[in-house]
């Protein structure tokens, strides 16, 4: 599951729209995908 989280963060870091990320992961609600927005950290 660490790869799943990394996939989502990687997409967001590269500017992919969050709704596209939601569909990629198969989330029903956008709220489930929002957790990845604040997790990106280039450092």
ModelCIF file with pLDDT and N, C-alpha, C, O atoms, coordinates in Angstrom:
data_MODEL
#
_entry.id   MODEL 
#
_entity.id                         1 
_entity.type                       polymer 
_entity.pdbx_number_of_molecules   1 
#
_entity_poly.entity_id                      1 
_entity_poly.type                           'polypeptide(L)' 
_entity_poly.nstd_linkage                   no 
_entity_poly.nstd_monomer                   no 
_entity_poly.pdbx_seq_one_letter_code       
;(UNK)(UNK)(UNK)(UNK)(UNK)(UNK)(UNK)(UNK)(UNK)(UNK)(UNK)(UNK)(UNK)(UNK)(UNK)(UNK)
(UNK)(UNK)(UNK)(UNK)(UNK)(UNK)(UNK)(UNK)(UNK)(UNK)(UNK)(UNK)(UNK)(UNK)(UNK)(UNK)
(UNK)(UNK)(UNK)(UNK)(UNK)(UNK)(UNK)(UNK)(UNK)(UNK)(UNK)
;
_entity_poly.pdbx_seq_one_letter_code_can   XXXXXXXXXXXXXXXXXXXXXXXXXXXXXXXXXXXXXXXXXXX 
_entity_poly.pdbx_strand_id                 A 
#
loop_
_entity_poly_seq.entity_id 
_entity_poly_seq.num 
_entity_poly_seq.mon_id 
_entity_poly_seq.hetero 
1 1  UNK n 
1 2  UNK n 
1 3  UNK n 
1 4  UNK n 
1 5  UNK n 
1 6  UNK n 
1 7  UNK n 
1 8  UNK n 
1 9  UNK n 
1 10 UNK n 
1 11 UNK n 
1 12 UNK n 
1 13 UNK n 
1 14 UNK n 
1 15 UNK n 
1 16 UNK n 
1 17 UNK n 
1 18 UNK n 
1 19 UNK n 
1 20 UNK n 
1 21 UNK n 
1 22 UNK n 
1 23 UNK n 
1 24 UNK n 
1 25 UNK n 
1 26 UNK n 
1 27 UNK n 
1 28 UNK n 
1 29 UNK n 
1 30 UNK n 
1 31 UNK n 
1 32 UNK n 
1 33 UNK n 
1 34 UNK n 
1 35 UNK n 
1 36 UNK n 
1 37 UNK n 
1 38 UNK n 
1 39 UNK n 
1 40 UNK n 
1 41 UNK n 
1 42 UNK n 
1 43 UNK n 
#
_struct_asym.id          A 
_struct_asym.entity_id   1 
#
loop_
_ma_qa_metric.id 
_ma_qa_metric.mode 
_ma_qa_metric.name 
_ma_qa_metric.software_group_id 
_ma_qa_metric.type 
1 global pLDDT . pLDDT 
2 local  pLDDT . pLDDT 
#
_ma_qa_metric_global.metric_id      1 
_ma_qa_metric_global.metric_value   84.63 
_ma_qa_metric_global.model_id       1 
_ma_qa_metric_global.ordinal_id     1 
#
loop_
_ma_qa_metric_local.label_asym_id 
_ma_qa_metric_local.label_comp_id 
_ma_qa_metric_local.label_seq_id 
_ma_qa_metric_local.metric_id 
_ma_qa_metric_local.metric_value 
_ma_qa_metric_local.model_id 
_ma_qa_metric_local.ordinal_id 
A UNK 1  2 89.00 1 1  
A UNK 2  2 91.00 1 2  
A UNK 3  2 94.00 1 3  
A UNK 4  2 93.00 1 4  
A UNK 5  2 92.00 1 5  
A UNK 6  2 92.00 1 6  
A UNK 7  2 94.00 1 7  
A UNK 8  2 93.00 1 8  
A UNK 9  2 92.00 1 9  
A UNK 10 2 92.00 1 10 
A UNK 11 2 93.00 1 11 
A UNK 12 2 92.00 1 12 
A UNK 13 2 90.00 1 13 
A UNK 14 2 91.00 1 14 
A UNK 15 2 91.00 1 15 
A UNK 16 2 92.00 1 16 
A UNK 17 2 92.00 1 17 
A UNK 18 2 92.00 1 18 
A UNK 19 2 91.00 1 19 
A UNK 20 2 92.00 1 20 
A UNK 21 2 92.00 1 21 
A UNK 22 2 90.00 1 22 
A UNK 23 2 90.00 1 23 
A UNK 24 2 91.00 1 24 
A UNK 25 2 91.00 1 25 
A UNK 26 2 88.00 1 26 
A UNK 27 2 87.00 1 27 
A UNK 28 2 82.00 1 28 
A UNK 29 2 84.00 1 29 
A UNK 30 2 88.00 1 30 
A UNK 31 2 87.00 1 31 
A UNK 32 2 85.00 1 32 
A UNK 33 2 88.00 1 33 
A UNK 34 2 87.00 1 34 
A UNK 35 2 85.00 1 35 
A UNK 36 2 87.00 1 36 
A UNK 37 2 84.00 1 37 
A UNK 38 2 69.00 1 38 
A UNK 39 2 62.00 1 39 
A UNK 40 2 53.00 1 40 
A UNK 41 2 51.00 1 41 
A UNK 42 2 42.00 1 42 
A UNK 43 2 38.00 1 43 
#
loop_
_atom_site.group_PDB 
_atom_site.id 
_atom_site.type_symbol 
_atom_site.label_atom_id 
_atom_site.label_alt_id 
_atom_site.label_comp_id 
_atom_site.label_asym_id 
_atom_site.label_entity_id 
_atom_site.label_seq_id 
_atom_site.pdbx_PDB_ins_code 
_atom_site.Cartn_x 
_atom_site.Cartn_y 
_atom_site.Cartn_z 
_atom_site.occupancy 
_atom_site.B_iso_or_equiv 
_atom_site.pdbx_formal_charge 
_atom_site.auth_seq_id 
_atom_site.auth_comp_id 
_atom_site.auth_asym_id 
_atom_site.auth_atom_id 
_atom_site.pdbx_PDB_model_num 
ATOM 1   N N  . UNK A 1 1  ? 0.821   -1.212 0.000   1.00 89.00 ? 1  UNK A N  1 
ATOM 2   C CA . UNK A 1 1  ? 0.000   0.000  0.000   1.00 89.00 ? 1  UNK A CA 1 
ATOM 3   C C  . UNK A 1 1  ? 0.853   1.260  0.000   1.00 89.00 ? 1  UNK A C  1 
ATOM 4   O O  . UNK A 1 1  ? 0.375   2.335  -0.364  1.00 89.00 ? 1  UNK A O  1 
ATOM 5   N N  . UNK A 1 2  ? 2.117   1.134  0.407   1.00 91.00 ? 2  UNK A N  1 
ATOM 6   C CA . UNK A 1 2  ? 3.017   2.282  0.360   1.00 91.00 ? 2  UNK A CA 1 
ATOM 7   C C  . UNK A 1 2  ? 3.234   2.741  -1.075  1.00 91.00 ? 2  UNK A C  1 
ATOM 8   O O  . UNK A 1 2  ? 3.420   3.930  -1.331  1.00 91.00 ? 2  UNK A O  1 
ATOM 9   N N  . UNK A 1 3  ? 3.212   1.794  -2.010  1.00 94.00 ? 3  UNK A N  1 
ATOM 10  C CA . UNK A 1 3  ? 3.334   2.142  -3.433  1.00 94.00 ? 3  UNK A CA 1 
ATOM 11  C C  . UNK A 1 3  ? 2.080   2.888  -3.908  1.00 94.00 ? 3  UNK A C  1 
ATOM 12  O O  . UNK A 1 3  ? 2.175   3.830  -4.695  1.00 94.00 ? 3  UNK A O  1 
ATOM 13  N N  . UNK A 1 4  ? 0.914   2.465  -3.428  1.00 93.00 ? 4  UNK A N  1 
ATOM 14  C CA . UNK A 1 4  ? -0.340  3.130  -3.798  1.00 93.00 ? 4  UNK A CA 1 
ATOM 15  C C  . UNK A 1 4  ? -0.324  4.589  -3.346  1.00 93.00 ? 4  UNK A C  1 
ATOM 16  O O  . UNK A 1 4  ? -0.679  5.489  -4.107  1.00 93.00 ? 4  UNK A O  1 
ATOM 17  N N  . UNK A 1 5  ? 0.090   4.809  -2.104  1.00 92.00 ? 5  UNK A N  1 
ATOM 18  C CA . UNK A 1 5  ? 0.190   6.178  -1.612  1.00 92.00 ? 5  UNK A CA 1 
ATOM 19  C C  . UNK A 1 5  ? 1.208   6.980  -2.419  1.00 92.00 ? 5  UNK A C  1 
ATOM 20  O O  . UNK A 1 5  ? 0.969   8.139  -2.759  1.00 92.00 ? 5  UNK A O  1 
ATOM 21  N N  . UNK A 1 6  ? 2.345   6.352  -2.721  1.00 92.00 ? 6  UNK A N  1 
ATOM 22  C CA . UNK A 1 6  ? 3.381   7.042  -3.480  1.00 92.00 ? 6  UNK A CA 1 
ATOM 23  C C  . UNK A 1 6  ? 2.927   7.397  -4.879  1.00 92.00 ? 6  UNK A C  1 
ATOM 24  O O  . UNK A 1 6  ? 3.266   8.462  -5.394  1.00 92.00 ? 6  UNK A O  1 
ATOM 25  N N  . UNK A 1 7  ? 2.161   6.510  -5.499  1.00 94.00 ? 7  UNK A N  1 
ATOM 26  C CA . UNK A 1 7  ? 1.620   6.777  -6.834  1.00 94.00 ? 7  UNK A CA 1 
ATOM 27  C C  . UNK A 1 7  ? 0.755   8.026  -6.819  1.00 94.00 ? 7  UNK A C  1 
ATOM 28  O O  . UNK A 1 7  ? 0.880   8.888  -7.689  1.00 94.00 ? 7  UNK A O  1 
ATOM 29  N N  . UNK A 1 8  ? -0.122  8.121  -5.826  1.00 93.00 ? 8  UNK A N  1 
ATOM 30  C CA . UNK A 1 8  ? -1.025  9.270  -5.738  1.00 93.00 ? 8  UNK A CA 1 
ATOM 31  C C  . UNK A 1 8  ? -0.259  10.568 -5.492  1.00 93.00 ? 8  UNK A C  1 
ATOM 32  O O  . UNK A 1 8  ? -0.532  11.585 -6.130  1.00 93.00 ? 8  UNK A O  1 
ATOM 33  N N  . UNK A 1 9  ? 0.696   10.530 -4.570  1.00 92.00 ? 9  UNK A N  1 
ATOM 34  C CA . UNK A 1 9  ? 1.489   11.727 -4.273  1.00 92.00 ? 9  UNK A CA 1 
ATOM 35  C C  . UNK A 1 9  ? 2.293   12.142 -5.491  1.00 92.00 ? 9  UNK A C  1 
ATOM 36  O O  . UNK A 1 9  ? 2.396   13.330 -5.796  1.00 92.00 ? 9  UNK A O  1 
ATOM 37  N N  . UNK A 1 10 ? 2.867   11.163 -6.192  1.00 92.00 ? 10 UNK A N  1 
ATOM 38  C CA . UNK A 1 10 ? 3.666   11.456 -7.387  1.00 92.00 ? 10 UNK A CA 1 
ATOM 39  C C  . UNK A 1 10 ? 2.819   12.150 -8.452  1.00 92.00 ? 10 UNK A C  1 
ATOM 40  O O  . UNK A 1 10 ? 3.286   13.094 -9.090  1.00 92.00 ? 10 UNK A O  1 
ATOM 41  N N  . UNK A 1 11 ? 1.588   11.698 -8.653  1.00 93.00 ? 11 UNK A N  1 
ATOM 42  C CA . UNK A 1 11 ? 0.704   12.332 -9.631  1.00 93.00 ? 11 UNK A CA 1 
ATOM 43  C C  . UNK A 1 11 ? 0.409   13.772 -9.248  1.00 93.00 ? 11 UNK A C  1 
ATOM 44  O O  . UNK A 1 11 ? 0.468   14.670 -10.088 1.00 93.00 ? 11 UNK A O  1 
ATOM 45  N N  . UNK A 1 12 ? 0.093   13.989 -7.984  1.00 92.00 ? 12 UNK A N  1 
ATOM 46  C CA . UNK A 1 12 ? -0.243  15.346 -7.531  1.00 92.00 ? 12 UNK A CA 1 
ATOM 47  C C  . UNK A 1 12 ? 0.969   16.263 -7.631  1.00 92.00 ? 12 UNK A C  1 
ATOM 48  O O  . UNK A 1 12 ? 0.844   17.421 -8.029  1.00 92.00 ? 12 UNK A O  1 
ATOM 49  N N  . UNK A 1 13 ? 2.141   15.748 -7.272  1.00 90.00 ? 13 UNK A N  1 
ATOM 50  C CA . UNK A 1 13 ? 3.366   16.545 -7.382  1.00 90.00 ? 13 UNK A CA 1 
ATOM 51  C C  . UNK A 1 13 ? 3.645   16.954 -8.826  1.00 90.00 ? 13 UNK A C  1 
ATOM 52  O O  . UNK A 1 13 ? 4.282   17.977 -9.078  1.00 90.00 ? 13 UNK A O  1 
ATOM 53  N N  . UNK A 1 14 ? 3.168   16.155 -9.760  1.00 91.00 ? 14 UNK A N  1 
ATOM 54  C CA . UNK A 1 14 ? 3.400   16.437 -11.174 1.00 91.00 ? 14 UNK A CA 1 
ATOM 55  C C  . UNK A 1 14 ? 2.216   17.129 -11.833 1.00 91.00 ? 14 UNK A C  1 
ATOM 56  O O  . UNK A 1 14 ? 2.106   17.150 -13.059 1.00 91.00 ? 14 UNK A O  1 
ATOM 57  N N  . UNK A 1 15 ? 1.328   17.695 -11.017 1.00 91.00 ? 15 UNK A N  1 
ATOM 58  C CA . UNK A 1 15 ? 0.279   18.565 -11.525 1.00 91.00 ? 15 UNK A CA 1 
ATOM 59  C C  . UNK A 1 15 ? -0.956  17.882 -12.063 1.00 91.00 ? 15 UNK A C  1 
ATOM 60  O O  . UNK A 1 15 ? -1.755  18.527 -12.742 1.00 91.00 ? 15 UNK A O  1 
ATOM 61  N N  . UNK A 1 16 ? -1.146  16.599 -11.789 1.00 92.00 ? 16 UNK A N  1 
ATOM 62  C CA . UNK A 1 16 ? -2.351  15.914 -12.250 1.00 92.00 ? 16 UNK A CA 1 
ATOM 63  C C  . UNK A 1 16 ? -3.547  16.385 -11.430 1.00 92.00 ? 16 UNK A C  1 
ATOM 64  O O  . UNK A 1 16 ? -3.467  16.481 -10.206 1.00 92.00 ? 16 UNK A O  1 
ATOM 65  N N  . UNK A 1 17 ? -4.653  16.677 -12.105 1.00 92.00 ? 17 UNK A N  1 
ATOM 66  C CA . UNK A 1 17 ? -5.860  17.143 -11.438 1.00 92.00 ? 17 UNK A CA 1 
ATOM 67  C C  . UNK A 1 17 ? -6.318  16.120 -10.402 1.00 92.00 ? 17 UNK A C  1 
ATOM 68  O O  . UNK A 1 17 ? -6.278  14.916 -10.651 1.00 92.00 ? 17 UNK A O  1 
ATOM 69  N N  . UNK A 1 18 ? -6.749  16.598 -9.253  1.00 92.00 ? 18 UNK A N  1 
ATOM 70  C CA . UNK A 1 18 ? -7.081  15.692 -8.147  1.00 92.00 ? 18 UNK A CA 1 
ATOM 71  C C  . UNK A 1 18 ? -8.254  14.784 -8.481  1.00 92.00 ? 18 UNK A C  1 
ATOM 72  O O  . UNK A 1 18 ? -8.329  13.666 -7.972  1.00 92.00 ? 18 UNK A O  1 
ATOM 73  N N  . UNK A 1 19 ? -9.177  15.245 -9.332  1.00 91.00 ? 19 UNK A N  1 
ATOM 74  C CA . UNK A 1 19 ? -10.297 14.372 -9.692  1.00 91.00 ? 19 UNK A CA 1 
ATOM 75  C C  . UNK A 1 19 ? -9.812  13.223 -10.570 1.00 91.00 ? 19 UNK A C  1 
ATOM 76  O O  . UNK A 1 19 ? -10.355 12.120 -10.503 1.00 91.00 ? 19 UNK A O  1 
ATOM 77  N N  . UNK A 1 20 ? -8.799  13.472 -11.390 1.00 92.00 ? 20 UNK A N  1 
ATOM 78  C CA . UNK A 1 20 ? -8.215  12.387 -12.186 1.00 92.00 ? 20 UNK A CA 1 
ATOM 79  C C  . UNK A 1 20 ? -7.503  11.391 -11.279 1.00 92.00 ? 20 UNK A C  1 
ATOM 80  O O  . UNK A 1 20 ? -7.535  10.184 -11.519 1.00 92.00 ? 20 UNK A O  1 
ATOM 81  N N  . UNK A 1 21 ? -6.859  11.911 -10.233 1.00 92.00 ? 21 UNK A N  1 
ATOM 82  C CA . UNK A 1 21 ? -6.208  11.033 -9.260  1.00 92.00 ? 21 UNK A CA 1 
ATOM 83  C C  . UNK A 1 21 ? -7.264  10.183 -8.551  1.00 92.00 ? 21 UNK A C  1 
ATOM 84  O O  . UNK A 1 21 ? -7.061  8.992  -8.317  1.00 92.00 ? 21 UNK A O  1 
ATOM 85  N N  . UNK A 1 22 ? -8.386  10.805 -8.214  1.00 90.00 ? 22 UNK A N  1 
ATOM 86  C CA . UNK A 1 22 ? -9.492  10.076 -7.564  1.00 90.00 ? 22 UNK A CA 1 
ATOM 87  C C  . UNK A 1 22 ? -9.947  8.903  -8.426  1.00 90.00 ? 22 UNK A C  1 
ATOM 88  O O  . UNK A 1 22 ? -10.113 7.786  -7.934  1.00 90.00 ? 22 UNK A O  1 
ATOM 89  N N  . UNK A 1 23 ? -10.145 9.165  -9.710  1.00 90.00 ? 23 UNK A N  1 
ATOM 90  C CA . UNK A 1 23 ? -10.603 8.103  -10.601 1.00 90.00 ? 23 UNK A CA 1 
ATOM 91  C C  . UNK A 1 23 ? -9.521  7.027  -10.778 1.00 90.00 ? 23 UNK A C  1 
ATOM 92  O O  . UNK A 1 23 ? -9.825  5.840  -10.892 1.00 90.00 ? 23 UNK A O  1 
ATOM 93  N N  . UNK A 1 24 ? -8.271  7.460  -10.798 1.00 91.00 ? 24 UNK A N  1 
ATOM 94  C CA . UNK A 1 24 ? -7.162  6.514  -10.938 1.00 91.00 ? 24 UNK A CA 1 
ATOM 95  C C  . UNK A 1 24 ? -7.134  5.528  -9.766  1.00 91.00 ? 24 UNK A C  1 
ATOM 96  O O  . UNK A 1 24 ? -6.894  4.335  -9.948  1.00 91.00 ? 24 UNK A O  1 
ATOM 97  N N  . UNK A 1 25 ? -7.380  6.043  -8.576  1.00 91.00 ? 25 UNK A N  1 
ATOM 98  C CA . UNK A 1 25 ? -7.335  5.211  -7.378  1.00 91.00 ? 25 UNK A CA 1 
ATOM 99  C C  . UNK A 1 25 ? -8.637  4.463  -7.142  1.00 91.00 ? 25 UNK A C  1 
ATOM 100 O O  . UNK A 1 25 ? -8.673  3.495  -6.382  1.00 91.00 ? 25 UNK A O  1 
ATOM 101 N N  . UNK A 1 26 ? -9.709  4.911  -7.792  1.00 88.00 ? 26 UNK A N  1 
ATOM 102 C CA . UNK A 1 26 ? -10.998 4.268  -7.599  1.00 88.00 ? 26 UNK A CA 1 
ATOM 103 C C  . UNK A 1 26 ? -11.744 4.757  -6.378  1.00 88.00 ? 26 UNK A C  1 
ATOM 104 O O  . UNK A 1 26 ? -12.614 4.059  -5.859  1.00 88.00 ? 26 UNK A O  1 
ATOM 105 N N  . UNK A 1 27 ? -11.409 5.964  -5.908  1.00 87.00 ? 27 UNK A N  1 
ATOM 106 C CA . UNK A 1 27 ? -12.119 6.526  -4.767  1.00 87.00 ? 27 UNK A CA 1 
ATOM 107 C C  . UNK A 1 27 ? -13.519 6.969  -5.167  1.00 87.00 ? 27 UNK A C  1 
ATOM 108 O O  . UNK A 1 27 ? -13.716 7.513  -6.253  1.00 87.00 ? 27 UNK A O  1 
ATOM 109 N N  . UNK A 1 28 ? -14.481 6.737  -4.301  1.00 82.00 ? 28 UNK A N  1 
ATOM 110 C CA . UNK A 1 28 ? -15.839 7.194  -4.553  1.00 82.00 ? 28 UNK A CA 1 
ATOM 111 C C  . UNK A 1 28 ? -15.953 8.687  -4.243  1.00 82.00 ? 28 UNK A C  1 
ATOM 112 O O  . UNK A 1 28 ? -16.632 9.424  -4.959  1.00 82.00 ? 28 UNK A O  1 
ATOM 113 N N  . UNK A 1 29 ? -15.292 9.125  -3.186  1.00 84.00 ? 29 UNK A N  1 
ATOM 114 C CA . UNK A 1 29 ? -15.401 10.511 -2.734  1.00 84.00 ? 29 UNK A CA 1 
ATOM 115 C C  . UNK A 1 29 ? -14.076 11.243 -2.913  1.00 84.00 ? 29 UNK A C  1 
ATOM 116 O O  . UNK A 1 29 ? -13.010 10.668 -2.693  1.00 84.00 ? 29 UNK A O  1 
ATOM 117 N N  . UNK A 1 30 ? -14.143 12.493 -3.305  1.00 88.00 ? 30 UNK A N  1 
ATOM 118 C CA . UNK A 1 30 ? -12.939 13.311 -3.470  1.00 88.00 ? 30 UNK A CA 1 
ATOM 119 C C  . UNK A 1 30 ? -12.242 13.534 -2.131  1.00 88.00 ? 30 UNK A C  1 
ATOM 120 O O  . UNK A 1 30 ? -11.035 13.771 -2.083  1.00 88.00 ? 30 UNK A O  1 
ATOM 121 N N  . UNK A 1 31 ? -13.017 13.456 -1.034  1.00 87.00 ? 31 UNK A N  1 
ATOM 122 C CA . UNK A 1 31 ? -12.433 13.645 0.292   1.00 87.00 ? 31 UNK A CA 1 
ATOM 123 C C  . UNK A 1 31 ? -11.378 12.574 0.578   1.00 87.00 ? 31 UNK A C  1 
ATOM 124 O O  . UNK A 1 31 ? -10.387 12.841 1.257   1.00 87.00 ? 31 UNK A O  1 
ATOM 125 N N  . UNK A 1 32 ? -11.594 11.365 0.059   1.00 85.00 ? 32 UNK A N  1 
ATOM 126 C CA . UNK A 1 32 ? -10.617 10.290 0.272   1.00 85.00 ? 32 UNK A CA 1 
ATOM 127 C C  . UNK A 1 32 ? -9.298  10.594 -0.417  1.00 85.00 ? 32 UNK A C  1 
ATOM 128 O O  . UNK A 1 32 ? -8.238  10.167 0.041   1.00 85.00 ? 32 UNK A O  1 
ATOM 129 N N  . UNK A 1 33 ? -9.363  11.336 -1.524  1.00 88.00 ? 33 UNK A N  1 
ATOM 130 C CA . UNK A 1 33 ? -8.161  11.658 -2.291  1.00 88.00 ? 33 UNK A CA 1 
ATOM 131 C C  . UNK A 1 33 ? -7.470  12.908 -1.746  1.00 88.00 ? 33 UNK A C  1 
ATOM 132 O O  . UNK A 1 33 ? -6.270  13.093 -1.949  1.00 88.00 ? 33 UNK A O  1 
ATOM 133 N N  . UNK A 1 34 ? -8.211  13.751 -1.067  1.00 87.00 ? 34 UNK A N  1 
ATOM 134 C CA . UNK A 1 34 ? -7.659  15.003 -0.546  1.00 87.00 ? 34 UNK A CA 1 
ATOM 135 C C  . UNK A 1 34 ? -6.512  14.778 0.423   1.00 87.00 ? 34 UNK A C  1 
ATOM 136 O O  . UNK A 1 34 ? -5.673  15.661 0.603   1.00 87.00 ? 34 UNK A O  1 
ATOM 137 N N  . UNK A 1 35 ? -6.464  13.605 1.052   1.00 85.00 ? 35 UNK A N  1 
ATOM 138 C CA . UNK A 1 35 ? -5.403  13.354 2.033   1.00 85.00 ? 35 UNK A CA 1 
ATOM 139 C C  . UNK A 1 35 ? -4.020  13.426 1.406   1.00 85.00 ? 35 UNK A C  1 
ATOM 140 O O  . UNK A 1 35 ? -3.032  13.656 2.103   1.00 85.00 ? 35 UNK A O  1 
ATOM 141 N N  . UNK A 1 36 ? -3.942  13.231 0.089   1.00 87.00 ? 36 UNK A N  1 
ATOM 142 C CA . UNK A 1 36 ? -2.647  13.238 -0.571  1.00 87.00 ? 36 UNK A CA 1 
ATOM 143 C C  . UNK A 1 36 ? -2.153  14.646 -0.888  1.00 87.00 ? 36 UNK A C  1 
ATOM 144 O O  . UNK A 1 36 ? -0.960  14.844 -1.122  1.00 87.00 ? 36 UNK A O  1 
ATOM 145 N N  . UNK A 1 37 ? -3.047  15.615 -0.898  1.00 84.00 ? 37 UNK A N  1 
ATOM 146 C CA . UNK A 1 37 ? -2.675  16.981 -1.277  1.00 84.00 ? 37 UNK A CA 1 
ATOM 147 C C  . UNK A 1 37 ? -1.682  17.566 -0.289  1.00 84.00 ? 37 UNK A C  1 
ATOM 148 O O  . UNK A 1 37 ? -0.703  18.195 -0.693  1.00 84.00 ? 37 UNK A O  1 
ATOM 149 N N  . UNK A 1 38 ? -1.922  17.367 1.001   1.00 69.00 ? 38 UNK A N  1 
ATOM 150 C CA . UNK A 1 38 ? -1.035  17.939 2.003   1.00 69.00 ? 38 UNK A CA 1 
ATOM 151 C C  . UNK A 1 38 ? 0.168   17.087 2.322   1.00 69.00 ? 38 UNK A C  1 
ATOM 152 O O  . UNK A 1 38 ? 0.979   17.449 3.175   1.00 69.00 ? 38 UNK A O  1 
ATOM 153 N N  . UNK A 1 39 ? 0.298   15.948 1.642   1.00 62.00 ? 39 UNK A N  1 
ATOM 154 C CA . UNK A 1 39 ? 1.392   15.018 1.945   1.00 62.00 ? 39 UNK A CA 1 
ATOM 155 C C  . UNK A 1 39 ? 2.618   15.245 1.076   1.00 62.00 ? 39 UNK A C  1 
ATOM 156 O O  . UNK A 1 39 ? 3.695   14.737 1.387   1.00 62.00 ? 39 UNK A O  1 
ATOM 157 N N  . UNK A 1 40 ? 2.471   16.005 -0.015  1.00 53.00 ? 40 UNK A N  1 
ATOM 158 C CA . UNK A 1 40 ? 3.615   16.197 -0.914  1.00 53.00 ? 40 UNK A CA 1 
ATOM 159 C C  . UNK A 1 40 ? 4.662   17.050 -0.225  1.00 53.00 ? 40 UNK A C  1 
ATOM 160 O O  . UNK A 1 40 ? 4.353   18.095 0.348   1.00 53.00 ? 40 UNK A O  1 
ATOM 161 N N  . UNK A 1 41 ? 5.892   16.599 -0.284  1.00 51.00 ? 41 UNK A N  1 
ATOM 162 C CA . UNK A 1 41 ? 6.978   17.288 0.402   1.00 51.00 ? 41 UNK A CA 1 
ATOM 163 C C  . UNK A 1 41 ? 8.273   17.011 -0.362  1.00 51.00 ? 41 UNK A C  1 
ATOM 164 O O  . UNK A 1 41 ? 8.872   15.949 -0.192  1.00 51.00 ? 41 UNK A O  1 
ATOM 165 N N  . UNK A 1 42 ? 8.716   17.958 -1.207  1.00 42.00 ? 42 UNK A N  1 
ATOM 166 C CA . UNK A 1 42 ? 9.910   17.738 -2.028  1.00 42.00 ? 42 UNK A CA 1 
ATOM 167 C C  . UNK A 1 42 ? 11.154  17.413 -1.231  1.00 42.00 ? 42 UNK A C  1 
ATOM 168 O O  . UNK A 1 42 ? 12.089  16.826 -1.776  1.00 42.00 ? 42 UNK A O  1 
ATOM 169 N N  . UNK A 1 43 ? 11.199  17.779 0.061   1.00 38.00 ? 43 UNK A N  1 
ATOM 170 C CA . UNK A 1 43 ? 12.396  17.562 0.850   1.00 38.00 ? 43 UNK A CA 1 
ATOM 171 C C  . UNK A 1 43 ? 12.504  16.126 1.355   1.00 38.00 ? 43 UNK A C  1 
ATOM 172 O O  . UNK A 1 43 ? 13.467  15.784 2.041   1.00 38.00 ? 43 UNK A O  1 
#
